[in-house]
C-alpha atoms as a PDB file:
ATOM      1  CA  MET A   1      -7.584  -4.360  12.542  1.00  0.00           C
ATOM      2  CA  HIS A   2      -6.863  -0.785  11.750  1.00  0.00           C
ATOM      3  CA  HIS A   3      -3.281  -0.065  12.509  1.00  0.00           C
ATOM      4  CA  LYS A   4       0.742   0.807  11.050  1.00  0.00           C
ATOM      5  CA  VAL A   5       3.122  -0.668  11.825  1.00  0.00           C
ATOM      6  CA  LEU A   6       6.958   0.386  10.598  1.00  0.00           C
ATOM      7  CA  ILE A   7      10.418  -1.811  11.484  1.00  0.00           C
ATOM      8  CA  ILE A   8      13.210   0.208  11.317  1.00  0.00           C
ATOM      9  CA  ASP A   9      16.527  -1.806  10.987  1.00  0.00           C
ATOM     10  CA  ASN A  10      15.346  -4.551  13.192  1.00  0.00           C
ATOM     11  CA  LYS A  11      15.743  -2.757  15.824  1.00  0.00           C
ATOM     12  CA  THR A  12      12.528  -0.204  16.313  1.00  0.00           C
ATOM     13  CA  VAL A  13       9.076  -0.498  16.260  1.00  0.00           C
ATOM     14  CA  VAL A  14       6.593   2.428  15.139  1.00  0.00           C
ATOM     15  CA  THR A  15       3.005   1.583  15.285  1.00  0.00           C
ATOM     16  CA  GLY A  16      -0.772   3.039  15.956  1.00  0.00           C
ATOM     17  CA  SER A  17      -3.453   4.474  14.481  1.00  0.00           C
ATOM     18  CA  PHE A  18      -0.977   8.160  13.448  1.00  0.00           C
ATOM     19  CA  ASN A  19      -1.617   8.385   9.290  1.00  0.00           C
ATOM     20  CA  PRO A  20       1.002  10.452   8.731  1.00  0.00           C
ATOM     21  CA  SER A  21      -0.615  13.594   6.909  1.00  0.00           C
ATOM     22  CA  LYS A  22      -1.910  16.881   7.789  1.00  0.00           C
ATOM     23  CA  ASN A  23      -5.046  15.945   9.234  1.00  0.00           C
ATOM     24  CA  GLY A  24      -3.200  13.056  11.054  1.00  0.00           C
ATOM     25  CA  ASP A  25      -1.048  15.439  12.957  1.00  0.00           C
ATOM     26  CA  GLU A  26      -3.266  18.450  13.343  1.00  0.00           C
ATOM     27  CA  LYS A  27      -6.991  17.082  13.321  1.00  0.00           C
ATOM     28  CA  ASN A  28      -7.418  13.572  13.603  1.00  0.00           C
ATOM     29  CA  ASP A  29      -7.319  12.088  17.377  1.00  0.00           C
ATOM     30  CA  GLU A  30      -4.193   9.355  16.870  1.00  0.00           C
ATOM     31  CA  ASN A  31      -1.689   7.519  18.664  1.00  0.00           C
ATOM     32  CA  LEU A  32       1.704   6.397  17.846  1.00  0.00           C
ATOM     33  CA  ILE A  33       4.212   4.856  20.501  1.00  0.00           C
ATOM     34  CA  ILE A  34       8.011   4.214  19.383  1.00  0.00           C
ATOM     35  CA  ILE A  35       9.713   0.775  20.884  1.00  0.00           C
ATOM     36  CA  HIS A  36      13.309   0.517  20.588  1.00  0.00           C
ATOM     37  CA  ASP A  37      13.913  -3.211  21.393  1.00  0.00           C
ATOM     38  CA  SER A  38      15.193  -5.681  18.901  1.00  0.00           C
ATOM     39  CA  ASP A  39      13.579  -8.389  20.250  1.00  0.00           C
ATOM     40  CA  VAL A  40       9.529  -6.967  20.070  1.00  0.00           C
ATOM     41  CA  ALA A  41      10.961  -5.781  16.414  1.00  0.00           C
ATOM     42  CA  GLU A  42      11.811  -9.081  15.502  1.00  0.00           C
ATOM     43  CA  LYS A  43       8.399 -10.385  16.966  1.00  0.00           C
ATOM     44  CA  TYR A  44       6.927  -7.368  14.948  1.00  0.00           C
ATOM     45  CA  ALA A  45       8.501  -8.742  11.592  1.00  0.00           C
ATOM     46  CA  GLU A  46       7.876 -12.780  12.658  1.00  0.00           C
ATOM     47  CA  GLU A  47       3.991 -11.454  12.259  1.00  0.00           C
ATOM     48  CA  PHE A  48       4.554  -9.599   8.877  1.00  0.00           C
ATOM     49  CA  LEU A  49       6.250 -12.096   7.683  1.00  0.00           C
ATOM     50  CA  GLY A  50       3.559 -14.523   8.337  1.00  0.00           C
ATOM     51  CA  VAL A  51       0.656 -12.241   7.184  1.00  0.00           C
ATOM     52  CA  TRP A  52       2.519 -11.256   4.350  1.00  0.00           C
ATOM     53  CA  ASP A  53       3.488 -14.956   3.276  1.00  0.00           C
ATOM     54  CA  ALA A  54      -0.881 -15.726   3.882  1.00  0.00           C
ATOM     55  CA  ALA A  55      -1.521 -13.211   1.169  1.00  0.00           C
ATOM     56  CA  ASP A  56       0.310 -15.362  -1.589  1.00  0.00           C
END
């Protein structure tokens, strides 16, 4: 898996392959989706916490 996820205020999810860098913005073929849905944000947060807890 190689994706990035931001969960903002448990309401918005920003995800995709986009690297927040000059190359990511200007040269690379990146993708990014912004989801404004608290139900989706909750599912992403649950998955994140599951992965985080498994790393302990």
